[in-house]
Amino acid sequence: MTSLKIWPCAALADADLASRTTIQVGGKAEWLLEPATPEELRQAIVAVREQGLELRVLGGGANLIVGDGRIPGAVLATDRMQRVFRPEPGVTSEESLRAPEMDERMAPAARDSDARLVAWAGISMPRLVSMTQKFGWTGMEGLVGVPGNLGGGIAMNAGGRWGEMWDVVERVLLVDERGEFVEKAREDCKPAYRNGNLGRAIAVSAVLRFRPDTVPAVVARCRDYLSQKKRAQPVTEKSAGCIWKNPDPETSGGRSAGKLVEECGGKGRARGDAIVSPLHGNFVVNKGSATAADVLGLIEEVQDLVAQRTGIELQREVKVWGG
């Protein structure tokens, strides 16, 4: 019988996961672990591996569909790791990436002297965008309206046509397969489209570098990009974000995944309360009480539709646990 005493951080057994995802479907986790610091996160990872349990990492719950039923193993949630601060002079990079006592040391008067933030994995993407607006720092405007947390954004290189997460990542602190901290620069990771290229390592925190601009200019771009997204995407509805990766333009004739779904008649298709968004063919929306089975069944149906009519096999971008 597994005991709560084995865990080095807050832990819950049989914890609901649906409410922790942006599409709000799915079952329960055998164990949900909630570390509050980088060291607790590292210790939790080591403890899970020592127990021989499967480890999954949950950030803001975007880009994820949790299957119905019980998810075995341990889910490590980063929600409590929300510290963000500015690096201090004379502090080494690894110290700045970890140090909790430096939280919230924001010095507006010196905002142009070092346009960087240090953020832990649990900080939300909307909060980071809001902070860069406050300082008049450019680089994250393209991520306005993107849900989820920093750790997941780094792992999958979240973003779109206006920019990607790794555009502003200078360095990242990881827990590697040995359960040890390792720091890597952007050039060491070689991030690619929808892939931070972290392998099995888990992002703990990052140094983010921006470019000084003016507050009105940054705010204006955020408003413009968000307005465009709202006209074309179900930004305010319950979804997991984009379902499929955009295929190779040479294979698809330059058509995106959403365009292919639209051309094949996939928009508006539904299964239970799951529906392919009428706004954008690359989003599946939970209209109320959809189950994971509804969502996954609809995804498979649309993939088959596109394959039959175009010969193109869409590849999922969204992660699936169980199901």
C-alpha atoms as a PDB file:
ATOM      1  CA  MET A   1       0.000   0.000   0.000  1.00  0.00           C
ATOM      2  CA  THR A   2       1.526   3.317  -1.088  1.00  0.00           C
ATOM      3  CA  SER A   3       1.754   5.919   1.665  1.00  0.00           C
ATOM      4  CA  LEU A   4       1.549   9.680   1.446  1.00  0.00           C
ATOM      5  CA  LYS A   5       4.775   9.743   3.479  1.00  0.00           C
ATOM      6  CA  ILE A   6       6.828   8.732   0.450  1.00  0.00           C
ATOM      7  CA  TRP A   7       6.251  12.062  -1.240  1.00  0.00           C
ATOM      8  CA  PRO A   8       8.510  15.100  -0.633  1.00  0.00           C
ATOM      9  CA  CYS A   9       5.716  17.578  -1.447  1.00  0.00           C
ATOM     10  CA  ALA A  10       1.951  18.040  -1.199  1.00  0.00           C
ATOM     11  CA  ALA A  11       0.165  15.002  -2.655  1.00  0.00           C
ATOM     12  CA  LEU A  12      -3.391  13.870  -3.401  1.00  0.00           C
ATOM     13  CA  ALA A  13      -4.653  10.388  -4.219  1.00  0.00           C
ATOM     14  CA  ASP A  14      -7.353   9.871  -6.879  1.00  0.00           C
ATOM     15  CA  ALA A  15      -7.317  13.552  -7.831  1.00  0.00           C
ATOM     16  CA  ASP A  16      -9.670  14.956 -10.465  1.00  0.00           C
ATOM     17  CA  LEU A  17      -7.864  16.083 -13.609  1.00  0.00           C
ATOM     18  CA  ALA A  18     -10.663  17.348 -15.853  1.00  0.00           C
ATOM     19  CA  SER A  19     -10.945  20.632 -13.951  1.00  0.00           C
ATOM     20  CA  ARG A  20      -7.200  21.153 -14.348  1.00  0.00           C
ATOM     21  CA  THR A  21      -7.280  21.078 -18.160  1.00  0.00           C
ATOM     22  CA  THR A  22      -8.477  23.758 -20.562  1.00  0.00           C
ATOM     23  CA  ILE A  23     -10.852  21.387 -22.385  1.00  0.00           C
ATOM     24  CA  GLN A  24     -12.163  20.024 -19.072  1.00  0.00           C
ATOM     25  CA  VAL A  25     -12.545  16.342 -19.871  1.00  0.00           C
ATOM     26  CA  GLY A  26     -10.982  13.237 -18.340  1.00  0.00           C
ATOM     27  CA  GLY A  27     -10.726  11.157 -15.216  1.00  0.00           C
ATOM     28  CA  LYS A  28      -8.552  11.003 -12.115  1.00  0.00           C
ATOM     29  CA  ALA A  29      -4.864  10.655 -11.346  1.00  0.00           C
ATOM     30  CA  GLU A  30      -3.680   7.812  -9.134  1.00  0.00           C
ATOM     31  CA  TRP A  31      -1.395  10.398  -7.504  1.00  0.00           C
ATOM     32  CA  LEU A  32      -1.218  14.142  -7.975  1.00  0.00           C
ATOM     33  CA  LEU A  33       1.982  15.771  -6.671  1.00  0.00           C
ATOM     34  CA  GLU A  34       2.226  19.541  -6.173  1.00  0.00           C
ATOM     35  CA  PRO A  35       5.792  20.778  -5.540  1.00  0.00           C
ATOM     36  CA  ALA A  36       6.209  24.421  -4.552  1.00  0.00           C
ATOM     37  CA  THR A  37       9.923  24.915  -5.342  1.00  0.00           C
ATOM     38  CA  PRO A  38      12.456  23.654  -7.898  1.00  0.00           C
ATOM     39  CA  GLU A  39      14.040  21.423  -5.257  1.00  0.00           C
ATOM     40  CA  GLU A  40      10.686  19.892  -4.293  1.00  0.00           C
ATOM     41  CA  LEU A  41      10.015  19.290  -7.978  1.00  0.00           C
ATOM     42  CA  ARG A  42      13.358  17.541  -8.396  1.00  0.00           C
ATOM     43  CA  GLN A  43      12.793  15.406  -5.303  1.00  0.00           C
ATOM     44  CA  ALA A  44       9.274  14.509  -6.466  1.00  0.00           C
ATOM     45  CA  ILE A  45      10.602  13.339  -9.828  1.00  0.00           C
ATOM     46  CA  VAL A  46      13.219  11.187  -8.127  1.00  0.00           C
ATOM     47  CA  ALA A  47      10.616   9.741  -5.723  1.00  0.00           C
ATOM     48  CA  VAL A  48       8.256   8.800  -8.547  1.00  0.00           C
ATOM     49  CA  ARG A  49      11.023   7.061 -10.456  1.00  0.00           C
ATOM     50  CA  GLU A  50      12.184   5.230  -7.341  1.00  0.00           C
ATOM     51  CA  GLN A  51       8.639   3.939  -6.855  1.00  0.00           C
ATOM     52  CA  GLY A  52       8.668   2.639 -10.432  1.00  0.00           C
ATOM     53  CA  LEU A  53       5.599   4.701 -11.337  1.00  0.00           C
ATOM     54  CA  GLU A  54       4.906   6.374 -14.657  1.00  0.00           C
ATOM     55  CA  LEU A  55       5.484  10.130 -14.440  1.00  0.00           C
ATOM     56  CA  ARG A  56       3.456  12.778 -16.244  1.00  0.00           C
ATOM     57  CA  VAL A  57       3.833  16.550 -15.907  1.00  0.00           C
ATOM     58  CA  LEU A  58       0.802  18.850 -15.794  1.00  0.00           C
ATOM     59  CA  GLY A  59       1.164  22.583 -16.258  1.00  0.00           C
ATOM     60  CA  GLY A  60      -1.796  24.793 -17.109  1.00  0.00           C
ATOM     61  CA  GLY A  61      -3.646  21.906 -18.738  1.00  0.00           C
ATOM     62  CA  ALA A  62      -3.484  23.262 -22.303  1.00  0.00           C
ATOM     63  CA  ASN A  63      -2.490  21.061 -25.259  1.00  0.00           C
ATOM     64  CA  LEU A  64      -3.719  18.036 -23.292  1.00  0.00           C
ATOM     65  CA  ILE A  65      -6.599  15.575 -23.385  1.00  0.00           C
ATOM     66  CA  VAL A  66      -6.877  13.322 -20.338  1.00  0.00           C
ATOM     67  CA  GLY A  67      -8.603  10.012 -20.959  1.00  0.00           C
ATOM     68  CA  ASP A  68     -11.685   8.950 -19.033  1.00  0.00           C
ATOM     69  CA  GLY A  69     -11.140   6.715 -16.016  1.00  0.00           C
ATOM     70  CA  ARG A  70      -8.094   6.439 -13.770  1.00  0.00           C
ATOM     71  CA  ILE A  71      -4.665   7.553 -14.979  1.00  0.00           C
ATOM     72  CA  PRO A  72      -2.072   5.258 -13.355  1.00  0.00           C
ATOM     73  CA  GLY A  73       1.149   6.551 -11.870  1.00  0.00           C
ATOM     74  CA  ALA A  74       1.910  10.069 -10.705  1.00  0.00           C
ATOM     75  CA  VAL A  75       0.980  13.410 -12.226  1.00  0.00           C
ATOM     76  CA  LEU A  76       3.308  16.243 -11.227  1.00  0.00           C
ATOM     77  CA  ALA A  77       1.462  19.582 -11.255  1.00  0.00           C
ATOM     78  CA  THR A  78       3.464  22.825 -11.442  1.00  0.00           C
ATOM     79  CA  ASP A  79       0.651  25.218 -10.434  1.00  0.00           C
ATOM     80  CA  ARG A  80       2.288  26.113  -7.105  1.00  0.00           C
ATOM     81  CA  MET A  81       5.558  27.107  -8.816  1.00  0.00           C
ATOM     82  CA  GLN A  82       4.522  30.594  -9.896  1.00  0.00           C
ATOM     83  CA  ARG A  83       7.512  32.704  -8.866  1.00  0.00           C
ATOM     84  CA  VAL A  84       8.807  35.294 -11.299  1.00  0.00           C
ATOM     85  CA  PHE A  85      11.489  37.905 -10.651  1.00  0.00           C
ATOM     86  CA  ARG A  86      14.306  39.886 -12.207  1.00  0.00           C
ATOM     87  CA  PRO A  87      17.879  38.566 -12.043  1.00  0.00           C
ATOM     88  CA  GLU A  88      20.124  40.425  -9.621  1.00  0.00           C
ATOM     89  CA  PRO A  89      23.662  41.622 -10.421  1.00  0.00           C
ATOM     90  CA  GLY A  90      26.404  39.303  -9.205  1.00  0.00           C
ATOM     91  CA  VAL A  91      24.130  36.258  -8.949  1.00  0.00           C
ATOM     92  CA  THR A  92      25.132  33.251 -11.043  1.00  0.00           C
ATOM     93  CA  SER A  93      22.706  31.988 -13.657  1.00  0.00           C
ATOM     94  CA  GLU A  94      21.848  28.781 -11.805  1.00  0.00           C
ATOM     95  CA  GLU A  95      21.336  30.663  -8.536  1.00  0.00           C
ATOM     96  CA  SER A  96      19.021  33.119 -10.262  1.00  0.00           C
ATOM     97  CA  LEU A  97      17.044  30.279 -11.816  1.00  0.00           C
ATOM     98  CA  ARG A  98      16.376  28.664  -8.450  1.00  0.00           C
ATOM     99  CA  ALA A  99      16.442  31.347  -5.715  1.00  0.00           C
ATOM    100  CA  PRO A 100      12.995  31.714  -4.084  1.00  0.00           C
ATOM    101  CA  GLU A 101      13.972  34.633  -1.864  1.00  0.00           C
ATOM    102  CA  MET A 102      14.383  36.887  -4.915  1.00  0.00           C
ATOM    103  CA  ASP A 103      10.709  36.611  -5.912  1.00  0.00           C
ATOM    104  CA  GLU A 104       8.919  39.740  -7.125  1.00  0.00           C
ATOM    105  CA  ARG A 105      11.954  42.032  -7.047  1.00  0.00           C
ATOM    106  CA  MET A 106      10.750  44.208  -9.869  1.00  0.00           C
ATOM    107  CA  ALA A 107      12.565  47.523 -10.296  1.00  0.00           C
ATOM    108  CA  PRO A 108      10.620  49.604 -12.843  1.00  0.00           C
ATOM    109  CA  ALA A 109      13.175  52.436 -12.792  1.00  0.00           C
ATOM    110  CA  ALA A 110      15.819  50.131 -14.233  1.00  0.00           C
ATOM    111  CA  ARG A 111      13.569  48.289 -16.669  1.00  0.00           C
ATOM    112  CA  ASP A 112      15.780  49.057 -19.700  1.00  0.00           C
ATOM    113  CA  SER A 113      19.068  48.070 -18.045  1.00  0.00           C
ATOM    114  CA  ASP A 114      18.373  44.337 -18.167  1.00  0.00           C
ATOM    115  CA  ALA A 115      15.221  43.318 -20.026  1.00  0.00           C
ATOM    116  CA  ARG A 116      15.040  39.824 -18.546  1.00  0.00           C
ATOM    117  CA  LEU A 117      12.796  37.842 -16.249  1.00  0.00           C
ATOM    118  CA  VAL A 118      13.449  34.646 -14.354  1.00  0.00           C
ATOM    119  CA  ALA A 119      10.306  32.515 -14.202  1.00  0.00           C
ATOM    120  CA  TRP A 120       9.470  29.161 -12.675  1.00  0.00           C
ATOM    121  CA  ALA A 121       7.615  26.476 -14.615  1.00  0.00           C
ATOM    122  CA  GLY A 122       4.196  27.165 -13.072  1.00  0.00           C
ATOM    123  CA  ILE A 123       3.868  30.798 -14.078  1.00  0.00           C
ATOM    124  CA  SER A 124       0.990  31.201 -16.529  1.00  0.00           C
ATOM    125  CA  MET A 125       1.526  32.410 -20.077  1.00  0.00           C
ATOM    126  CA  PRO A 126      -1.151  35.137 -19.707  1.00  0.00           C
ATOM    127  CA  ARG A 127       0.623  36.489 -16.614  1.00  0.00           C
ATOM    128  CA  LEU A 128       3.950  36.632 -18.427  1.00  0.00           C
ATOM    129  CA  VAL A 129       2.369  38.483 -21.343  1.00  0.00           C
ATOM    130  CA  SER A 130       0.774  40.902 -18.867  1.00  0.00           C
ATOM    131  CA  MET A 131       4.102  41.557 -17.151  1.00  0.00           C
ATOM    132  CA  THR A 132       5.904  42.308 -20.401  1.00  0.00           C
ATOM    133  CA  GLN A 133       3.176  44.799 -21.246  1.00  0.00           C
ATOM    134  CA  LYS A 134       3.713  46.453 -17.859  1.00  0.00           C
ATOM    135  CA  PHE A 135       7.424  46.887 -18.553  1.00  0.00           C
ATOM    136  CA  GLY A 136       7.087  47.754 -22.229  1.00  0.00           C
ATOM    137  CA  TRP A 137       9.219  44.769 -23.260  1.00  0.00           C
ATOM    138  CA  THR A 138       8.609  43.168 -26.643  1.00  0.00           C
ATOM    139  CA  GLY A 139       8.926  39.482 -27.532  1.00  0.00           C
ATOM    140  CA  MET A 140       5.840  37.781 -26.080  1.00  0.00           C
ATOM    141  CA  GLU A 141       3.035  39.604 -27.869  1.00  0.00           C
ATOM    142  CA  GLY A 142       2.522  36.652 -30.215  1.00  0.00           C
ATOM    143  CA  LEU A 143       1.678  34.455 -27.228  1.00  0.00           C
ATOM    144  CA  VAL A 144      -1.238  36.624 -26.097  1.00  0.00           C
ATOM    145  CA  GLY A 145      -4.312  34.457 -25.634  1.00  0.00           C
ATOM    146  CA  VAL A 146      -2.232  31.280 -25.336  1.00  0.00           C
ATOM    147  CA  PRO A 147      -3.231  29.341 -22.200  1.00  0.00           C
ATOM    148  CA  GLY A 148      -1.077  27.059 -20.089  1.00  0.00           C
ATOM    149  CA  ASN A 149       2.082  27.517 -18.055  1.00  0.00           C
ATOM    150  CA  LEU A 150       5.686  28.310 -18.896  1.00  0.00           C
ATOM    151  CA  GLY A 151       6.993  24.760 -18.437  1.00  0.00           C
ATOM    152  CA  GLY A 152       4.614  23.323 -20.992  1.00  0.00           C
ATOM    153  CA  GLY A 153       5.162  26.253 -23.324  1.00  0.00           C
ATOM    154  CA  ILE A 154       8.894  25.550 -23.279  1.00  0.00           C
ATOM    155  CA  ALA A 155       8.458  21.788 -23.698  1.00  0.00           C
ATOM    156  CA  MET A 156       6.284  22.144 -26.801  1.00  0.00           C
ATOM    157  CA  ASN A 157       7.591  25.507 -28.052  1.00  0.00           C
ATOM    158  CA  ALA A 158       4.111  27.002 -27.901  1.00  0.00           C
ATOM    159  CA  GLY A 159       3.177  29.775 -30.285  1.00  0.00           C
ATOM    160  CA  GLY A 160       1.895  30.525 -33.737  1.00  0.00           C
ATOM    161  CA  ARG A 161       2.221  32.869 -36.675  1.00  0.00           C
ATOM    162  CA  TRP A 162       3.300  35.837 -34.500  1.00  0.00           C
ATOM    163  CA  GLY A 163       6.021  34.094 -32.530  1.00  0.00           C
ATOM    164  CA  GLU A 164       7.055  31.115 -30.408  1.00  0.00           C
ATOM    165  CA  MET A 165       8.022  30.575 -26.773  1.00  0.00           C
ATOM    166  CA  TRP A 166      11.663  29.860 -27.518  1.00  0.00           C
ATOM    167  CA  ASP A 167      12.016  33.242 -29.248  1.00  0.00           C
ATOM    168  CA  VAL A 168      12.514  34.710 -25.753  1.00  0.00           C
ATOM    169  CA  VAL A 169      14.155  31.804 -23.871  1.00  0.00           C
ATOM    170  CA  GLU A 170      17.806  32.523 -23.053  1.00  0.00           C
ATOM    171  CA  ARG A 171      18.472  29.588 -20.695  1.00  0.00           C
ATOM    172  CA  VAL A 172      16.440  26.845 -19.115  1.00  0.00           C
ATOM    173  CA  LEU A 173      16.953  24.850 -15.921  1.00  0.00           C
ATOM    174  CA  LEU A 174      15.971  21.190 -16.281  1.00  0.00           C
ATOM    175  CA  VAL A 175      15.756  18.049 -14.204  1.00  0.00           C
ATOM    176  CA  ASP A 176      17.402  15.366 -16.332  1.00  0.00           C
ATOM    177  CA  GLU A 177      16.887  11.600 -16.472  1.00  0.00           C
ATOM    178  CA  ARG A 178      19.299  11.137 -13.547  1.00  0.00           C
ATOM    179  CA  GLY A 179      17.144  13.397 -11.371  1.00  0.00           C
ATOM    180  CA  GLU A 180      19.752  16.155 -11.358  1.00  0.00           C
ATOM    181  CA  PHE A 181      19.575  19.839 -12.244  1.00  0.00           C
ATOM    182  CA  VAL A 182      21.163  20.766 -15.547  1.00  0.00           C
ATOM    183  CA  GLU A 183      21.184  24.190 -17.160  1.00  0.00           C
ATOM    184  CA  LYS A 184      21.084  24.599 -20.932  1.00  0.00           C
ATOM    185  CA  ALA A 185      21.265  27.597 -23.230  1.00  0.00           C
ATOM    186  CA  ARG A 186      18.863  27.974 -26.118  1.00  0.00           C
ATOM    187  CA  GLU A 187      21.478  26.910 -28.651  1.00  0.00           C
ATOM    188  CA  ASP A 188      22.073  23.678 -26.705  1.00  0.00           C
ATOM    189  CA  CYS A 189      18.415  22.661 -26.965  1.00  0.00           C
ATOM    190  CA  LYS A 190      17.869  23.470 -30.650  1.00  0.00           C
ATOM    191  CA  PRO A 191      14.092  23.937 -30.361  1.00  0.00           C
ATOM    192  CA  ALA A 192      11.968  23.292 -33.443  1.00  0.00           C
ATOM    193  CA  TYR A 193       8.360  23.639 -34.563  1.00  0.00           C
ATOM    194  CA  ARG A 194       6.136  22.538 -31.655  1.00  0.00           C
ATOM    195  CA  ASN A 195       9.104  20.878 -29.962  1.00  0.00           C
ATOM    196  CA  GLY A 196      11.372  22.329 -27.289  1.00  0.00           C
ATOM    197  CA  ASN A 197      13.637  19.310 -27.838  1.00  0.00           C
ATOM    198  CA  LEU A 198      14.009  18.581 -24.129  1.00  0.00           C
ATOM    199  CA  GLY A 199      13.829  14.805 -24.480  1.00  0.00           C
ATOM    200  CA  ARG A 200      12.882  13.267 -21.133  1.00  0.00           C
ATOM    201  CA  ALA A 201      14.147  16.262 -19.186  1.00  0.00           C
ATOM    202  CA  ILE A 202      11.602  18.438 -17.370  1.00  0.00           C
ATOM    203  CA  ALA A 203      11.682  22.242 -17.408  1.00  0.00           C
ATOM    204  CA  VAL A 204      11.964  23.814 -13.953  1.00  0.00           C
ATOM    205  CA  SER A 205      12.575  27.483 -14.738  1.00  0.00           C
ATOM    206  CA  ALA A 206      13.950  29.771 -17.406  1.00  0.00           C
ATOM    207  CA  VAL A 207      15.646  33.084 -18.034  1.00  0.00           C
ATOM    208  CA  LEU A 208      13.585  35.016 -20.570  1.00  0.00           C
ATOM    209  CA  ARG A 209      15.171  37.853 -22.541  1.00  0.00           C
ATOM    210  CA  PHE A 210      13.109  40.602 -24.144  1.00  0.00           C
ATOM    211  CA  ARG A 211      13.793  43.837 -26.013  1.00  0.00           C
ATOM    212  CA  PRO A 212      12.925  47.231 -24.521  1.00  0.00           C
ATOM    213  CA  ASP A 213      10.102  49.044 -26.310  1.00  0.00           C
ATOM    214  CA  THR A 214       7.323  51.334 -25.092  1.00  0.00           C
ATOM    215  CA  VAL A 215       4.314  50.287 -23.047  1.00  0.00           C
ATOM    216  CA  PRO A 216       1.778  51.695 -25.567  1.00  0.00           C
ATOM    217  CA  ALA A 217       3.446  49.868 -28.471  1.00  0.00           C
ATOM    218  CA  VAL A 218       3.532  46.499 -26.697  1.00  0.00           C
ATOM    219  CA  VAL A 219      -0.049  46.856 -25.451  1.00  0.00           C
ATOM    220  CA  ALA A 220      -1.247  47.825 -28.929  1.00  0.00           C
ATOM    221  CA  ARG A 221       0.342  44.762 -30.530  1.00  0.00           C
ATOM    222  CA  CYS A 222      -1.147  42.472 -27.877  1.00  0.00           C
ATOM    223  CA  ARG A 223      -4.601  43.931 -28.470  1.00  0.00           C
ATOM    224  CA  ASP A 224      -4.237  43.625 -32.236  1.00  0.00           C
ATOM    225  CA  TYR A 225      -3.036  40.003 -32.149  1.00  0.00           C
ATOM    226  CA  LEU A 226      -5.689  38.983 -29.611  1.00  0.00           C
ATOM    227  CA  SER A 227      -8.408  40.624 -31.682  1.00  0.00           C
ATOM    228  CA  GLN A 228      -7.275  38.713 -34.763  1.00  0.00           C
ATOM    229  CA  LYS A 229      -7.168  35.439 -32.802  1.00  0.00           C
ATOM    230  CA  LYS A 230     -10.667  35.944 -31.391  1.00  0.00           C
ATOM    231  CA  ARG A 231     -12.051  36.431 -34.901  1.00  0.00           C
ATOM    232  CA  ALA A 232     -10.493  33.184 -36.136  1.00  0.00           C
ATOM    233  CA  GLN A 233     -10.142  30.898 -33.093  1.00  0.00           C
ATOM    234  CA  PRO A 234     -12.374  29.823 -30.169  1.00  0.00           C
ATOM    235  CA  VAL A 235     -10.107  31.617 -27.693  1.00  0.00           C
ATOM    236  CA  THR A 236     -12.745  31.934 -24.958  1.00  0.00           C
ATOM    237  CA  GLU A 237     -14.184  28.394 -25.271  1.00  0.00           C
ATOM    238  CA  LYS A 238     -13.132  25.134 -23.640  1.00  0.00           C
ATOM    239  CA  SER A 239     -10.557  23.529 -25.927  1.00  0.00           C
ATOM    240  CA  ALA A 240      -7.123  21.953 -25.776  1.00  0.00           C
ATOM    241  CA  GLY A 241      -5.725  24.338 -28.376  1.00  0.00           C
ATOM    242  CA  CYS A 242      -4.648  23.156 -31.808  1.00  0.00           C
ATOM    243  CA  ILE A 243      -5.289  19.436 -32.280  1.00  0.00           C
ATOM    244  CA  TRP A 244      -2.993  18.728 -35.248  1.00  0.00           C
ATOM    245  CA  LYS A 245       0.406  19.884 -36.410  1.00  0.00           C
ATOM    246  CA  ASN A 246       0.458  21.711 -39.713  1.00  0.00           C
ATOM    247  CA  PRO A 247       1.662  19.249 -42.370  1.00  0.00           C
ATOM    248  CA  ASP A 248       4.630  19.784 -44.659  1.00  0.00           C
ATOM    249  CA  PRO A 249       3.603  22.579 -47.066  1.00  0.00           C
ATOM    250  CA  GLU A 250       4.971  20.606 -50.016  1.00  0.00           C
ATOM    251  CA  THR A 251       2.705  17.697 -49.127  1.00  0.00           C
ATOM    252  CA  SER A 252      -0.362  19.790 -48.347  1.00  0.00           C
ATOM    253  CA  GLY A 253      -0.031  22.386 -51.073  1.00  0.00           C
ATOM    254  CA  GLY A 254       0.562  25.026 -48.419  1.00  0.00           C
ATOM    255  CA  ARG A 255      -2.689  24.254 -46.599  1.00  0.00           C
ATOM    256  CA  SER A 256      -2.674  24.237 -42.810  1.00  0.00           C
ATOM    257  CA  ALA A 257      -4.267  21.466 -40.762  1.00  0.00           C
ATOM    258  CA  GLY A 258      -7.273  23.693 -40.050  1.00  0.00           C
ATOM    259  CA  LYS A 259      -7.693  24.522 -43.730  1.00  0.00           C
ATOM    260  CA  LEU A 260      -7.575  20.845 -44.695  1.00  0.00           C
ATOM    261  CA  VAL A 261     -10.259  20.019 -42.113  1.00  0.00           C
ATOM    262  CA  GLU A 262     -12.409  22.874 -43.415  1.00  0.00           C
ATOM    263  CA  GLU A 263     -12.026  21.862 -47.073  1.00  0.00           C
ATOM    264  CA  CYS A 264     -12.951  18.270 -46.232  1.00  0.00           C
ATOM    265  CA  GLY A 265     -16.147  19.304 -44.450  1.00  0.00           C
ATOM    266  CA  GLY A 266     -14.903  18.702 -40.924  1.00  0.00           C
ATOM    267  CA  LYS A 267     -15.930  22.042 -39.393  1.00  0.00           C
ATOM    268  CA  GLY A 268     -19.001  21.700 -37.203  1.00  0.00           C
ATOM    269  CA  ARG A 269     -18.834  17.917 -36.933  1.00  0.00           C
ATOM    270  CA  ALA A 270     -19.806  16.769 -33.471  1.00  0.00           C
ATOM    271  CA  ARG A 271     -19.821  13.793 -31.171  1.00  0.00           C
ATOM    272  CA  GLY A 272     -21.750  14.288 -27.963  1.00  0.00           C
ATOM    273  CA  ASP A 273     -20.819  17.741 -26.660  1.00  0.00           C
ATOM    274  CA  ALA A 274     -17.513  17.722 -28.553  1.00  0.00           C
ATOM    275  CA  ILE A 275     -17.547  19.767 -31.754  1.00  0.00           C
ATOM    276  CA  VAL A 276     -15.000  20.840 -34.353  1.00  0.00           C
ATOM    277  CA  SER A 277     -15.077  24.615 -33.973  1.00  0.00           C
ATOM    278  CA  PRO A 278     -17.010  26.464 -36.696  1.00  0.00           C
ATOM    279  CA  LEU A 279     -14.386  29.198 -36.336  1.00  0.00           C
ATOM    280  CA  HIS A 280     -11.280  27.064 -36.933  1.00  0.00           C
ATOM    281  CA  GLY A 281     -10.968  23.470 -38.128  1.00  0.00           C
ATOM    282  CA  ASN A 282      -7.942  22.750 -35.920  1.00  0.00           C
ATOM    283  CA  PHE A 283      -9.868  23.154 -32.643  1.00  0.00           C
ATOM    284  CA  VAL A 284     -12.226  20.741 -30.898  1.00  0.00           C
ATOM    285  CA  VAL A 285     -14.442  22.470 -28.338  1.00  0.00           C
ATOM    286  CA  ASN A 286     -16.220  21.050 -25.306  1.00  0.00           C
ATOM    287  CA  LYS A 287     -19.682  22.650 -25.442  1.00  0.00           C
ATOM    288  CA  GLY A 288     -20.589  21.491 -21.949  1.00  0.00           C
ATOM    289  CA  SER A 289     -20.435  17.867 -20.882  1.00  0.00           C
ATOM    290  CA  ALA A 290     -18.204  16.202 -23.469  1.00  0.00           C
ATOM    291  CA  THR A 291     -16.224  13.162 -22.379  1.00  0.00           C
ATOM    292  CA  ALA A 292     -12.685  12.341 -23.392  1.00  0.00           C
ATOM    293  CA  ALA A 293     -14.139   9.485 -25.467  1.00  0.00           C
ATOM    294  CA  ASP A 294     -16.283  12.031 -27.359  1.00  0.00           C
ATOM    295  CA  VAL A 295     -13.290  14.263 -28.036  1.00  0.00           C
ATOM    296  CA  LEU A 296     -10.894  11.483 -29.053  1.00  0.00           C
ATOM    297  CA  GLY A 297     -13.517   9.767 -31.197  1.00  0.00           C
ATOM    298  CA  LEU A 298     -14.179  13.018 -33.033  1.00  0.00           C
ATOM    299  CA  ILE A 299     -10.475  13.606 -33.578  1.00  0.00           C
ATOM    300  CA  GLU A 300     -10.078  10.130 -35.085  1.00  0.00           C
ATOM    301  CA  GLU A 301     -13.136  10.653 -37.275  1.00  0.00           C
ATOM    302  CA  VAL A 302     -11.795  13.917 -38.691  1.00  0.00           C
ATOM    303  CA  GLN A 303      -8.307  12.466 -39.231  1.00  0.00           C
ATOM    304  CA  ASP A 304      -9.871   9.626 -41.228  1.00  0.00           C
ATOM    305  CA  LEU A 305     -11.974  12.107 -43.215  1.00  0.00           C
ATOM    306  CA  VAL A 306      -8.928  14.161 -44.216  1.00  0.00           C
ATOM    307  CA  ALA A 307      -6.888  11.052 -45.032  1.00  0.00           C
ATOM    308  CA  GLN A 308      -9.620   9.597 -47.242  1.00  0.00           C
ATOM    309  CA  ARG A 309     -10.184  12.801 -49.186  1.00  0.00           C
ATOM    310  CA  THR A 310      -6.626  14.116 -49.488  1.00  0.00           C
ATOM    311  CA  GLY A 311      -4.277  11.239 -48.684  1.00  0.00           C
ATOM    312  CA  ILE A 312      -2.705  13.373 -45.936  1.00  0.00           C
ATOM    313  CA  GLU A 313      -2.305  11.798 -42.504  1.00  0.00           C
ATOM    314  CA  LEU A 314      -2.681  14.562 -39.928  1.00  0.00           C
ATOM    315  CA  GLN A 315      -0.358  14.199 -36.936  1.00  0.00           C
ATOM    316  CA  ARG A 316      -1.664  15.139 -33.500  1.00  0.00           C
ATOM    317  CA  GLU A 317      -0.074  18.090 -31.761  1.00  0.00           C
ATOM    318  CA  VAL A 318      -2.203  17.713 -28.636  1.00  0.00           C
ATOM    319  CA  LYS A 319      -0.975  15.264 -25.967  1.00  0.00           C
ATOM    320  CA  VAL A 320      -3.226  12.411 -24.835  1.00  0.00           C
ATOM    321  CA  TRP A 321      -3.037  10.621 -21.486  1.00  0.00           C
ATOM    322  CA  GLY A 322      -4.833   7.302 -21.325  1.00  0.00           C
ATOM    323  CA  GLY A 323      -7.868   7.008 -23.577  1.00  0.00           C
END
